[in-house]
Amino acid sequence: MLIVQCGFVQVIQDELLRQEIEMSRAHADKQIPLPLEHFQGYLMEMKLDEDSKDPSFSLGRAVSICMREMYHYARVSEVHVLECFMDTALSAVKREQLQEASYVCFTFASKLNMRV
């Protein structure tokens, strides 16, 4: 019974995420996945708040959250996580948004380094 309920919750969460992805794609000029958009916002907040020595800040934690969200985004979108990162980075380079491309590459590379 519990397994069926968990599966039902997953279906509902997937549908909500699918709707959020579709709305984001319809209203956004850039084609950046939501998890990376959230991560970029987080990095920008930290850049603006550089003077603060906030001990709760953990870039590793932010990367982990982004990767977890990216996994679900890719699963619901039916694409590979690496494909999401590469498409986003290449799109940013084509638009000459090199800082955005570096954030995308940094996020993926950081997670790979954490697993070693």
PDB file of N, CA and C in Angstrom:
ATOM      1  N   MET A   1       0.822  -1.193   0.000  1.00  0.00           N
ATOM      2  CA  MET A   1       0.000   0.000   0.000  1.00  0.00           C
ATOM      3  C   MET A   1       0.866   1.257   0.000  1.00  0.00           C
ATOM      4  N   LEU A   2       1.927   1.245   0.830  1.00  0.00           N
ATOM      5  CA  LEU A   2       2.816   2.394   0.928  1.00  0.00           C
ATOM      6  C   LEU A   2       3.541   2.637  -0.392  1.00  0.00           C
ATOM      7  N   ILE A   3       3.950   1.556  -1.065  1.00  0.00           N
ATOM      8  CA  ILE A   3       4.644   1.683  -2.342  1.00  0.00           C
ATOM      9  C   ILE A   3       3.728   2.319  -3.376  1.00  0.00           C
ATOM     10  N   VAL A   4       2.488   1.939  -3.411  1.00  0.00           N
ATOM     11  CA  VAL A   4       1.527   2.507  -4.352  1.00  0.00           C
ATOM     12  C   VAL A   4       1.348   3.996  -4.074  1.00  0.00           C
ATOM     13  N   GLN A   5       1.254   4.369  -2.783  1.00  0.00           N
ATOM     14  CA  GLN A   5       1.095   5.778  -2.425  1.00  0.00           C
ATOM     15  C   GLN A   5       2.324   6.581  -2.824  1.00  0.00           C
ATOM     16  N   CYS A   6       3.517   6.038  -2.597  1.00  0.00           N
ATOM     17  CA  CYS A   6       4.749   6.732  -2.980  1.00  0.00           C
ATOM     18  C   CYS A   6       4.812   6.914  -4.495  1.00  0.00           C
ATOM     19  N   GLY A   7       4.414   5.896  -5.239  1.00  0.00           N
ATOM     20  CA  GLY A   7       4.386   5.992  -6.692  1.00  0.00           C
ATOM     21  C   GLY A   7       3.407   7.037  -7.169  1.00  0.00           C
ATOM     22  N   PHE A   8       2.276   7.131  -6.495  1.00  0.00           N
ATOM     23  CA  PHE A   8       1.270   8.131  -6.846  1.00  0.00           C
ATOM     24  C   PHE A   8       1.793   9.533  -6.582  1.00  0.00           C
ATOM     25  N   VAL A   9       2.487   9.714  -5.471  1.00  0.00           N
ATOM     26  CA  VAL A   9       3.075  11.017  -5.145  1.00  0.00           C
ATOM     27  C   VAL A   9       4.112  11.395  -6.196  1.00  0.00           C
ATOM     28  N   GLN A  10       4.920  10.434  -6.624  1.00  0.00           N
ATOM     29  CA  GLN A  10       5.932  10.684  -7.650  1.00  0.00           C
ATOM     30  C   GLN A  10       5.290  11.119  -8.959  1.00  0.00           C
ATOM     31  N   VAL A  11       4.200  10.486  -9.333  1.00  0.00           N
ATOM     32  CA  VAL A  11       3.492  10.849 -10.563  1.00  0.00           C
ATOM     33  C   VAL A  11       2.983  12.290 -10.474  1.00  0.00           C
ATOM     34  N   ILE A  12       2.444  12.663  -9.344  1.00  0.00           N
ATOM     35  CA  ILE A  12       1.941  14.033  -9.145  1.00  0.00           C
ATOM     36  C   ILE A  12       3.091  15.031  -9.206  1.00  0.00           C
ATOM     37  N   GLN A  13       4.207  14.713  -8.517  1.00  0.00           N
ATOM     38  CA  GLN A  13       5.365  15.612  -8.538  1.00  0.00           C
ATOM     39  C   GLN A  13       5.929  15.749  -9.950  1.00  0.00           C
ATOM     40  N   ASP A  14       5.995  14.653 -10.683  1.00  0.00           N
ATOM     41  CA  ASP A  14       6.482  14.706 -12.057  1.00  0.00           C
ATOM     42  C   ASP A  14       5.597  15.575 -12.931  1.00  0.00           C
ATOM     43  N   GLU A  15       4.294  15.452 -12.768  1.00  0.00           N
ATOM     44  CA  GLU A  15       3.371  16.254 -13.569  1.00  0.00           C
ATOM     45  C   GLU A  15       3.513  17.742 -13.240  1.00  0.00           C
ATOM     46  N   LEU A  16       3.662  18.062 -11.970  1.00  0.00           N
ATOM     47  CA  LEU A  16       3.871  19.463 -11.579  1.00  0.00           C
ATOM     48  C   LEU A  16       5.173  20.001 -12.158  1.00  0.00           C
ATOM     49  N   LEU A  17       6.235  19.205 -12.103  1.00  0.00           N
ATOM     50  CA  LEU A  17       7.513  19.621 -12.670  1.00  0.00           C
ATOM     51  C   LEU A  17       7.402  19.783 -14.177  1.00  0.00           C
ATOM     52  N   ARG A  18       6.715  18.870 -14.837  1.00  0.00           N
ATOM     53  CA  ARG A  18       6.528  18.950 -16.285  1.00  0.00           C
ATOM     54  C   ARG A  18       5.809  20.253 -16.665  1.00  0.00           C
ATOM     55  N   GLN A  19       4.785  20.613 -15.898  1.00  0.00           N
ATOM     56  CA  GLN A  19       4.063  21.863 -16.153  1.00  0.00           C
ATOM     57  C   GLN A  19       4.961  23.073 -15.930  1.00  0.00           C
ATOM     58  N   GLU A  20       5.769  23.025 -14.876  1.00  0.00           N
ATOM     59  CA  GLU A  20       6.689  24.128 -14.585  1.00  0.00           C
ATOM     60  C   GLU A  20       7.724  24.271 -15.705  1.00  0.00           C
ATOM     61  N   ILE A  21       8.225  23.160 -16.216  1.00  0.00           N
ATOM     62  CA  ILE A  21       9.187  23.184 -17.312  1.00  0.00           C
ATOM     63  C   ILE A  21       8.556  23.782 -18.560  1.00  0.00           C
ATOM     64  N   GLU A  22       7.355  23.362 -18.888  1.00  0.00           N
ATOM     65  CA  GLU A  22       6.662  23.878 -20.069  1.00  0.00           C
ATOM     66  C   GLU A  22       6.403  25.375 -19.961  1.00  0.00           C
ATOM     67  N   MET A  23       5.985  25.834 -18.768  1.00  0.00           N
ATOM     68  CA  MET A  23       5.742  27.272 -18.566  1.00  0.00           C
ATOM     69  C   MET A  23       7.042  28.050 -18.689  1.00  0.00           C
ATOM     70  N   SER A  24       8.120  27.510 -18.155  1.00  0.00           N
ATOM     71  CA  SER A  24       9.415  28.180 -18.216  1.00  0.00           C
ATOM     72  C   SER A  24       9.894  28.298 -19.661  1.00  0.00           C
ATOM     73  N   ARG A  25       9.742  27.238 -20.421  1.00  0.00           N
ATOM     74  CA  ARG A  25      10.164  27.255 -21.827  1.00  0.00           C
ATOM     75  C   ARG A  25       9.325  28.224 -22.650  1.00  0.00           C
ATOM     76  N   ALA A  26       8.059  28.346 -22.314  1.00  0.00           N
ATOM     77  CA  ALA A  26       7.162  29.215 -23.075  1.00  0.00           C
ATOM     78  C   ALA A  26       7.412  30.696 -22.798  1.00  0.00           C
ATOM     79  N   HIS A  27       7.865  31.013 -21.578  1.00  0.00           N
ATOM     80  CA  HIS A  27       7.991  32.412 -21.185  1.00  0.00           C
ATOM     81  C   HIS A  27       9.430  32.914 -21.125  1.00  0.00           C
ATOM     82  N   ALA A  28      10.393  32.063 -21.352  1.00  0.00           N
ATOM     83  CA  ALA A  28      11.787  32.479 -21.201  1.00  0.00           C
ATOM     84  C   ALA A  28      12.441  32.705 -22.558  1.00  0.00           C
ATOM     85  N   ASP A  29      13.259  33.753 -22.620  1.00  0.00           N
ATOM     86  CA  ASP A  29      14.028  34.010 -23.832  1.00  0.00           C
ATOM     87  C   ASP A  29      15.205  33.049 -23.943  1.00  0.00           C
ATOM     88  N   LYS A  30      15.827  32.774 -22.806  1.00  0.00           N
ATOM     89  CA  LYS A  30      16.936  31.839 -22.840  1.00  0.00           C
ATOM     90  C   LYS A  30      16.424  30.442 -22.516  1.00  0.00           C
ATOM     91  N   GLN A  31      17.067  29.496 -23.091  1.00  0.00           N
ATOM     92  CA  GLN A  31      16.672  28.107 -22.881  1.00  0.00           C
ATOM     93  C   GLN A  31      17.573  27.475 -21.830  1.00  0.00           C
ATOM     94  N   ILE A  32      17.504  27.981 -20.623  1.00  0.00           N
ATOM     95  CA  ILE A  32      18.311  27.438 -19.543  1.00  0.00           C
ATOM     96  C   ILE A  32      17.404  26.630 -18.625  1.00  0.00           C
ATOM     97  N   PRO A  33      17.782  25.414 -18.298  1.00  0.00           N
ATOM     98  CA  PRO A  33      16.953  24.593 -17.412  1.00  0.00           C
ATOM     99  C   PRO A  33      16.746  25.271 -16.047  1.00  0.00           C
ATOM    100  N   LEU A  34      15.596  25.060 -15.472  1.00  0.00           N
ATOM    101  CA  LEU A  34      15.257  25.683 -14.195  1.00  0.00           C
ATOM    102  C   LEU A  34      16.283  25.436 -13.093  1.00  0.00           C
ATOM    103  N   PRO A  35      16.788  24.215 -12.917  1.00  0.00           N
ATOM    104  CA  PRO A  35      17.773  24.021 -11.848  1.00  0.00           C
ATOM    105  C   PRO A  35      19.023  24.888 -12.016  1.00  0.00           C
ATOM    106  N   LEU A  36      19.476  25.046 -13.263  1.00  0.00           N
ATOM    107  CA  LEU A  36      20.649  25.890 -13.506  1.00  0.00           C
ATOM    108  C   LEU A  36      20.309  27.362 -13.314  1.00  0.00           C
ATOM    109  N   GLU A  37      19.098  27.738 -13.659  1.00  0.00           N
ATOM    110  CA  GLU A  37      18.653  29.116 -13.437  1.00  0.00           C
ATOM    111  C   GLU A  37      18.645  29.421 -11.931  1.00  0.00           C
ATOM    112  N   HIS A  38      18.141  28.483 -11.145  1.00  0.00           N
ATOM    113  CA  HIS A  38      18.136  28.658  -9.690  1.00  0.00           C
ATOM    114  C   HIS A  38      19.561  28.753  -9.150  1.00  0.00           C
ATOM    115  N   PHE A  39      20.446  27.904  -9.667  1.00  0.00           N
ATOM    116  CA  PHE A  39      21.837  27.903  -9.213  1.00  0.00           C
ATOM    117  C   PHE A  39      22.528  29.212  -9.570  1.00  0.00           C
ATOM    118  N   GLN A  40      22.298  29.711 -10.775  1.00  0.00           N
ATOM    119  CA  GLN A  40      22.892  30.988 -11.180  1.00  0.00           C
ATOM    120  C   GLN A  40      22.412  32.119 -10.274  1.00  0.00           C
ATOM    121  N   GLY A  41      21.133  32.093  -9.945  1.00  0.00           N
ATOM    122  CA  GLY A  41      20.599  33.098  -9.031  1.00  0.00           C
ATOM    123  C   GLY A  41      21.291  33.036  -7.682  1.00  0.00           C
ATOM    124  N   TYR A  42      21.534  31.827  -7.212  1.00  0.00           N
ATOM    125  CA  TYR A  42      22.222  31.635  -5.944  1.00  0.00           C
ATOM    126  C   TYR A  42      23.643  32.187  -6.019  1.00  0.00           C
ATOM    127  N   LEU A  43      24.349  31.889  -7.117  1.00  0.00           N
ATOM    128  CA  LEU A  43      25.714  32.396  -7.268  1.00  0.00           C
ATOM    129  C   LEU A  43      25.739  33.916  -7.339  1.00  0.00           C
ATOM    130  N   MET A  44      24.767  34.498  -8.024  1.00  0.00           N
ATOM    131  CA  MET A  44      24.691  35.958  -8.119  1.00  0.00           C
ATOM    132  C   MET A  44      24.440  36.575  -6.745  1.00  0.00           C
ATOM    133  N   GLU A  45      23.567  35.960  -5.959  1.00  0.00           N
ATOM    134  CA  GLU A  45      23.317  36.451  -4.601  1.00  0.00           C
ATOM    135  C   GLU A  45      24.591  36.410  -3.778  1.00  0.00           C
ATOM    136  N   MET A  46      25.351  35.339  -3.922  1.00  0.00           N
ATOM    137  CA  MET A  46      26.596  35.214  -3.158  1.00  0.00           C
ATOM    138  C   MET A  46      27.624  36.230  -3.638  1.00  0.00           C
ATOM    139  N   LYS A  47      27.634  36.508  -4.946  1.00  0.00           N
ATOM    140  CA  LYS A  47      28.574  37.489  -5.490  1.00  0.00           C
ATOM    141  C   LYS A  47      28.243  38.889  -4.969  1.00  0.00           C
ATOM    142  N   LEU A  48      26.953  39.207  -4.887  1.00  0.00           N
ATOM    143  CA  LEU A  48      26.538  40.506  -4.376  1.00  0.00           C
ATOM    144  C   LEU A  48      26.818  40.634  -2.887  1.00  0.00           C
ATOM    145  N   ASP A  49      26.864  39.518  -2.207  1.00  0.00           N
ATOM    146  CA  ASP A  49      27.027  39.512  -0.761  1.00  0.00           C
ATOM    147  C   ASP A  49      28.423  39.029  -0.362  1.00  0.00           C
ATOM    148  N   GLU A  50      29.433  39.359  -1.184  1.00  0.00           N
ATOM    149  CA  GLU A  50      30.795  38.873  -0.955  1.00  0.00           C
ATOM    150  C   GLU A  50      31.371  39.319   0.385  1.00  0.00           C
ATOM    151  N   ASP A  51      30.975  40.493   0.872  1.00  0.00           N
ATOM    152  CA  ASP A  51      31.539  41.006   2.118  1.00  0.00           C
ATOM    153  C   ASP A  51      31.106  40.173   3.319  1.00  0.00           C
ATOM    154  N   SER A  52      29.975  39.549   3.207  1.00  0.00           N
ATOM    155  CA  SER A  52      29.458  38.754   4.321  1.00  0.00           C
ATOM    156  C   SER A  52      30.218  37.438   4.410  1.00  0.00           C
ATOM    157  N   LYS A  53      30.624  37.080   5.591  1.00  0.00           N
ATOM    158  CA  LYS A  53      31.307  35.805   5.830  1.00  0.00           C
ATOM    159  C   LYS A  53      30.307  34.837   6.447  1.00  0.00           C
ATOM    160  N   ASP A  54      29.306  34.510   5.671  1.00  0.00           N
ATOM    161  CA  ASP A  54      28.219  33.652   6.134  1.00  0.00           C
ATOM    162  C   ASP A  54      28.710  32.214   6.268  1.00  0.00           C
ATOM    163  N   PRO A  55      28.778  31.686   7.499  1.00  0.00           N
ATOM    164  CA  PRO A  55      29.280  30.316   7.663  1.00  0.00           C
ATOM    165  C   PRO A  55      28.333  29.252   7.107  1.00  0.00           C
ATOM    166  N   SER A  56      27.071  29.619   6.896  1.00  0.00           N
ATOM    167  CA  SER A  56      26.130  28.618   6.395  1.00  0.00           C
ATOM    168  C   SER A  56      26.261  28.403   4.890  1.00  0.00           C
ATOM    169  N   PHE A  57      26.988  29.311   4.212  1.00  0.00           N
ATOM    170  CA  PHE A  57      27.159  29.168   2.767  1.00  0.00           C
ATOM    171  C   PHE A  57      27.982  27.929   2.462  1.00  0.00           C
ATOM    172  N   SER A  58      27.469  27.139   1.605  1.00  0.00           N
ATOM    173  CA  SER A  58      28.205  25.956   1.188  1.00  0.00           C
ATOM    174  C   SER A  58      27.991  25.758  -0.303  1.00  0.00           C
ATOM    175  N   LEU A  59      29.024  26.079  -1.043  1.00  0.00           N
ATOM    176  CA  LEU A  59      28.925  25.912  -2.488  1.00  0.00           C
ATOM    177  C   LEU A  59      28.692  24.455  -2.850  1.00  0.00           C
ATOM    178  N   GLY A  60      29.331  23.576  -2.118  1.00  0.00           N
ATOM    179  CA  GLY A  60      29.139  22.147  -2.375  1.00  0.00           C
ATOM    180  C   GLY A  60      27.685  21.735  -2.201  1.00  0.00           C
ATOM    181  N   ARG A  61      27.050  22.287  -1.183  1.00  0.00           N
ATOM    182  CA  ARG A  61      25.627  21.988  -0.932  1.00  0.00           C
ATOM    183  C   ARG A  61      24.767  22.534  -2.073  1.00  0.00           C
ATOM    184  N   ALA A  62      25.086  23.745  -2.517  1.00  0.00           N
ATOM    185  CA  ALA A  62      24.329  24.345  -3.618  1.00  0.00           C
ATOM    186  C   ALA A  62      24.469  23.519  -4.896  1.00  0.00           C
ATOM    187  N   VAL A  63      25.672  23.033  -5.153  1.00  0.00           N
ATOM    188  CA  VAL A  63      25.904  22.193  -6.330  1.00  0.00           C
ATOM    189  C   VAL A  63      25.116  20.895  -6.204  1.00  0.00           C
ATOM    190  N   SER A  64      25.124  20.302  -5.014  1.00  0.00           N
ATOM    191  CA  SER A  64      24.378  19.056  -4.801  1.00  0.00           C
ATOM    192  C   SER A  64      22.881  19.247  -5.032  1.00  0.00           C
ATOM    193  N   ILE A  65      22.356  20.343  -4.532  1.00  0.00           N
ATOM    194  CA  ILE A  65      20.933  20.634  -4.730  1.00  0.00           C
ATOM    195  C   ILE A  65      20.642  20.819  -6.212  1.00  0.00           C
ATOM    196  N   CYS A  66      21.509  21.566  -6.889  1.00  0.00           N
ATOM    197  CA  CYS A  66      21.329  21.791  -8.327  1.00  0.00           C
ATOM    198  C   CYS A  66      21.352  20.473  -9.088  1.00  0.00           C
ATOM    199  N   MET A  67      22.290  19.604  -8.755  1.00  0.00           N
ATOM    200  CA  MET A  67      22.392  18.329  -9.466  1.00  0.00           C
ATOM    201  C   MET A  67      21.181  17.441  -9.194  1.00  0.00           C
ATOM    202  N   ARG A  68      20.688  17.463  -7.955  1.00  0.00           N
ATOM    203  CA  ARG A  68      19.498  16.670  -7.639  1.00  0.00           C
ATOM    204  C   ARG A  68      18.305  17.180  -8.453  1.00  0.00           C
ATOM    205  N   GLU A  69      18.136  18.511  -8.489  1.00  0.00           N
ATOM    206  CA  GLU A  69      17.045  19.088  -9.280  1.00  0.00           C
ATOM    207  C   GLU A  69      17.244  18.808 -10.764  1.00  0.00           C
ATOM    208  N   MET A  70      18.501  18.844 -11.201  1.00  0.00           N
ATOM    209  CA  MET A  70      18.798  18.601 -12.610  1.00  0.00           C
ATOM    210  C   MET A  70      18.470  17.167 -12.999  1.00  0.00           C
ATOM    211  N   TYR A  71      18.730  16.236 -12.100  1.00  0.00           N
ATOM    212  CA  TYR A  71      18.402  14.832 -12.357  1.00  0.00           C
ATOM    213  C   TYR A  71      16.897  14.690 -12.604  1.00  0.00           C
ATOM    214  N   HIS A  72      16.096  15.291 -11.738  1.00  0.00           N
ATOM    215  CA  HIS A  72      14.638  15.189 -11.899  1.00  0.00           C
ATOM    216  C   HIS A  72      14.175  15.924 -13.160  1.00  0.00           C
ATOM    217  N   TYR A  73      14.776  17.081 -13.420  1.00  0.00           N
ATOM    218  CA  TYR A  73      14.452  17.841 -14.634  1.00  0.00           C
ATOM    219  C   TYR A  73      14.733  16.984 -15.873  1.00  0.00           C
ATOM    220  N   ALA A  74      15.908  16.373 -15.916  1.00  0.00           N
ATOM    221  CA  ALA A  74      16.289  15.544 -17.070  1.00  0.00           C
ATOM    222  C   ALA A  74      15.388  14.325 -17.190  1.00  0.00           C
ATOM    223  N   ARG A  75      15.074  13.707 -16.071  1.00  0.00           N
ATOM    224  CA  ARG A  75      14.213  12.515 -16.083  1.00  0.00           C
ATOM    225  C   ARG A  75      12.832  12.849 -16.639  1.00  0.00           C
ATOM    226  N   VAL A  76      12.249  13.946 -16.168  1.00  0.00           N
ATOM    227  CA  VAL A  76      10.912  14.335 -16.624  1.00  0.00           C
ATOM    228  C   VAL A  76      10.960  14.813 -18.078  1.00  0.00           C
ATOM    229  N   SER A  77      12.054  15.489 -18.457  1.00  0.00           N
ATOM    230  CA  SER A  77      12.198  15.979 -19.836  1.00  0.00           C
ATOM    231  C   SER A  77      12.637  14.887 -20.803  1.00  0.00           C
ATOM    232  N   GLU A  78      13.001  13.728 -20.263  1.00  0.00           N
ATOM    233  CA  GLU A  78      13.448  12.583 -21.051  1.00  0.00           C
ATOM    234  C   GLU A  78      14.722  12.869 -21.845  1.00  0.00           C
ATOM    235  N   VAL A  79      15.676  13.533 -21.192  1.00  0.00           N
ATOM    236  CA  VAL A  79      16.994  13.771 -21.775  1.00  0.00           C
ATOM    237  C   VAL A  79      18.043  13.401 -20.724  1.00  0.00           C
ATOM    238  N   HIS A  80      19.265  13.220 -21.168  1.00  0.00           N
ATOM    239  CA  HIS A  80      20.358  12.891 -20.252  1.00  0.00           C
ATOM    240  C   HIS A  80      20.833  14.164 -19.557  1.00  0.00           C
ATOM    241  N   VAL A  81      21.262  14.049 -18.314  1.00  0.00           N
ATOM    242  CA  VAL A  81      21.730  15.202 -17.541  1.00  0.00           C
ATOM    243  C   VAL A  81      22.888  15.893 -18.261  1.00  0.00           C
ATOM    244  N   LEU A  82      23.838  15.123 -18.763  1.00  0.00           N
ATOM    245  CA  LEU A  82      24.980  15.712 -19.469  1.00  0.00           C
ATOM    246  C   LEU A  82      24.510  16.497 -20.694  1.00  0.00           C
ATOM    247  N   GLU A  83      23.511  15.978 -21.390  1.00  0.00           N
ATOM    248  CA  GLU A  83      22.970  16.675 -22.557  1.00  0.00           C
ATOM    249  C   GLU A  83      22.383  18.031 -22.160  1.00  0.00           C
ATOM    250  N   CYS A  84      21.701  18.080 -21.021  1.00  0.00           N
ATOM    251  CA  CYS A  84      21.143  19.352 -20.526  1.00  0.00           C
ATOM    252  C   CYS A  84      22.255  20.365 -20.288  1.00  0.00           C
ATOM    253  N   PHE A  85      23.328  19.917 -19.621  1.00  0.00           N
ATOM    254  CA  PHE A  85      24.441  20.818 -19.339  1.00  0.00           C
ATOM    255  C   PHE A  85      25.122  21.284 -20.617  1.00  0.00           C
ATOM    256  N   MET A  86      25.390  20.345 -21.519  1.00  0.00           N
ATOM    257  CA  MET A  86      26.101  20.694 -22.750  1.00  0.00           C
ATOM    258  C   MET A  86      25.276  21.622 -23.636  1.00  0.00           C
ATOM    259  N   ASP A  87      23.986  21.332 -23.789  1.00  0.00           N
ATOM    260  CA  ASP A  87      23.126  22.201 -24.597  1.00  0.00           C
ATOM    261  C   ASP A  87      23.073  23.612 -24.025  1.00  0.00           C
ATOM    262  N   THR A  88      22.979  23.702 -22.707  1.00  0.00           N
ATOM    263  CA  THR A  88      22.906  25.003 -22.054  1.00  0.00           C
ATOM    264  C   THR A  88      24.214  25.770 -22.214  1.00  0.00           C
ATOM    265  N   ALA A  89      25.338  25.092 -22.003  1.00  0.00           N
ATOM    266  CA  ALA A  89      26.643  25.752 -22.131  1.00  0.00           C
ATOM    267  C   ALA A  89      26.889  26.205 -23.570  1.00  0.00           C
ATOM    268  N   LEU A  90      26.598  25.348 -24.532  1.00  0.00           N
ATOM    269  CA  LEU A  90      26.798  25.710 -25.938  1.00  0.00           C
ATOM    270  C   LEU A  90      25.887  26.859 -26.364  1.00  0.00           C
ATOM    271  N   SER A  91      24.665  26.840 -25.887  1.00  0.00           N
ATOM    272  CA  SER A  91      23.739  27.929 -26.185  1.00  0.00           C
ATOM    273  C   SER A  91      24.259  29.257 -25.624  1.00  0.00           C
ATOM    274  N   ALA A  92      24.798  29.214 -24.411  1.00  0.00           N
ATOM    275  CA  ALA A  92      25.350  30.431 -23.797  1.00  0.00           C
ATOM    276  C   ALA A  92      26.560  30.933 -24.583  1.00  0.00           C
ATOM    277  N   VAL A  93      27.410  30.035 -25.044  1.00  0.00           N
ATOM    278  CA  VAL A  93      28.582  30.436 -25.829  1.00  0.00           C
ATOM    279  C   VAL A  93      28.140  31.075 -27.143  1.00  0.00           C
ATOM    280  N   LYS A  94      27.141  30.490 -27.789  1.00  0.00           N
ATOM    281  CA  LYS A  94      26.631  31.062 -29.044  1.00  0.00           C
ATOM    282  C   LYS A  94      26.093  32.474 -28.845  1.00  0.00           C
ATOM    283  N   ARG A  95      25.502  32.724 -27.662  1.00  0.00           N
ATOM    284  CA  ARG A  95      24.973  34.058 -27.362  1.00  0.00           C
ATOM    285  C   ARG A  95      26.044  34.968 -26.762  1.00  0.00           C
ATOM    286  N   GLU A  96      27.285  34.454 -26.704  1.00  0.00           N
ATOM    287  CA  GLU A  96      28.426  35.167 -26.146  1.00  0.00           C
ATOM    288  C   GLU A  96      28.229  35.494 -24.667  1.00  0.00           C
ATOM    289  N   GLN A  97      27.524  34.622 -23.982  1.00  0.00           N
ATOM    290  CA  GLN A  97      27.320  34.731 -22.534  1.00  0.00           C
ATOM    291  C   GLN A  97      28.310  33.783 -21.852  1.00  0.00           C
ATOM    292  N   LEU A  98      29.564  34.173 -21.862  1.00  0.00           N
ATOM    293  CA  LEU A  98      30.612  33.280 -21.384  1.00  0.00           C
ATOM    294  C   LEU A  98      30.545  33.044 -19.882  1.00  0.00           C
ATOM    295  N   GLN A  99      30.102  34.046 -19.114  1.00  0.00           N
ATOM    296  CA  GLN A  99      29.977  33.846 -17.670  1.00  0.00           C
ATOM    297  C   GLN A  99      28.921  32.776 -17.378  1.00  0.00           C
ATOM    298  N   GLU A 100      27.803  32.841 -18.093  1.00  0.00           N
ATOM    299  CA  GLU A 100      26.748  31.844 -17.920  1.00  0.00           C
ATOM    300  C   GLU A 100      27.273  30.456 -18.286  1.00  0.00           C
ATOM    301  N   ALA A 101      28.010  30.363 -19.383  1.00  0.00           N
ATOM    302  CA  ALA A 101      28.582  29.074 -19.801  1.00  0.00           C
ATOM    303  C   ALA A 101      29.541  28.539 -18.740  1.00  0.00           C
ATOM    304  N   SER A 102      30.306  29.433 -18.126  1.00  0.00           N
ATOM    305  CA  SER A 102      31.251  28.975 -17.101  1.00  0.00           C
ATOM    306  C   SER A 102      30.522  28.478 -15.859  1.00  0.00           C
ATOM    307  N   TYR A 103      29.395  29.100 -15.487  1.00  0.00           N
ATOM    308  CA  TYR A 103      28.600  28.613 -14.355  1.00  0.00           C
ATOM    309  C   TYR A 103      28.100  27.193 -14.618  1.00  0.00           C
ATOM    310  N   VAL A 104      27.637  26.981 -15.826  1.00  0.00           N
ATOM    311  CA  VAL A 104      27.101  25.673 -16.193  1.00  0.00           C
ATOM    312  C   VAL A 104      28.205  24.614 -16.119  1.00  0.00           C
ATOM    313  N   CYS A 105      29.346  24.916 -16.706  1.00  0.00           N
ATOM    314  CA  CYS A 105      30.463  23.965 -16.693  1.00  0.00           C
ATOM    315  C   CYS A 105      30.985  23.757 -15.271  1.00  0.00           C
ATOM    316  N   PHE A 106      31.042  24.839 -14.492  1.00  0.00           N
ATOM    317  CA  PHE A 106      31.503  24.755 -13.107  1.00  0.00           C
ATOM    318  C   PHE A 106      30.615  23.818 -12.303  1.00  0.00           C
ATOM    319  N   THR A 107      29.318  23.942 -12.471  1.00  0.00           N
ATOM    320  CA  THR A 107      28.376  23.121 -11.709  1.00  0.00           C
ATOM    321  C   THR A 107      28.598  21.644 -11.986  1.00  0.00           C
ATOM    322  N   PHE A 108      28.688  21.301 -13.261  1.00  0.00           N
ATOM    323  CA  PHE A 108      28.853  19.897 -13.621  1.00  0.00           C
ATOM    324  C   PHE A 108      30.220  19.377 -13.195  1.00  0.00           C
ATOM    325  N   ALA A 109      31.269  20.167 -13.428  1.00  0.00           N
ATOM    326  CA  ALA A 109      32.630  19.746 -13.063  1.00  0.00           C
ATOM    327  C   ALA A 109      32.770  19.628 -11.537  1.00  0.00           C
ATOM    328  N   SER A 110      32.139  20.512 -10.809  1.00  0.00           N
ATOM    329  CA  SER A 110      32.213  20.462  -9.341  1.00  0.00           C
ATOM    330  C   SER A 110      31.645  19.165  -8.829  1.00  0.00           C
ATOM    331  N   LYS A 111      30.530  18.754  -9.372  1.00  0.00           N
ATOM    332  CA  LYS A 111      29.897  17.524  -8.915  1.00  0.00           C
ATOM    333  C   LYS A 111      30.775  16.311  -9.250  1.00  0.00           C
ATOM    334  N   LEU A 112      31.399  16.338 -10.397  1.00  0.00           N
ATOM    335  CA  LEU A 112      32.283  15.231 -10.759  1.00  0.00           C
ATOM    336  C   LEU A 112      33.467  15.150  -9.790  1.00  0.00           C
ATOM    337  N   ASN A 113      34.031  16.294  -9.415  1.00  0.00           N
ATOM    338  CA  ASN A 113      35.163  16.324  -8.487  1.00  0.00           C
ATOM    339  C   ASN A 113      34.756  15.870  -7.089  1.00  0.00           C
ATOM    340  N   MET A 114      33.515  16.122  -6.684  1.00  0.00           N
ATOM    341  CA  MET A 114      33.047  15.731  -5.358  1.00  0.00           C
ATOM    342  C   MET A 114      32.957  14.219  -5.242  1.00  0.00           C
ATOM    343  N   ARG A 115      32.716  13.536  -6.336  1.00  0.00           N
ATOM    344  CA  ARG A 115      32.524  12.077  -6.292  1.00  0.00           C
ATOM    345  C   ARG A 115      33.842  11.331  -6.268  1.00  0.00           C
ATOM    346  N   VAL A 116      34.931  11.988  -6.564  1.00  0.00           N
ATOM    347  CA  VAL A 116      36.238  11.312  -6.603  1.00  0.00           C
ATOM    348  C   VAL A 116      36.747  11.055  -5.221  1.00  0.00           C
TER     349      VAL A 116
END
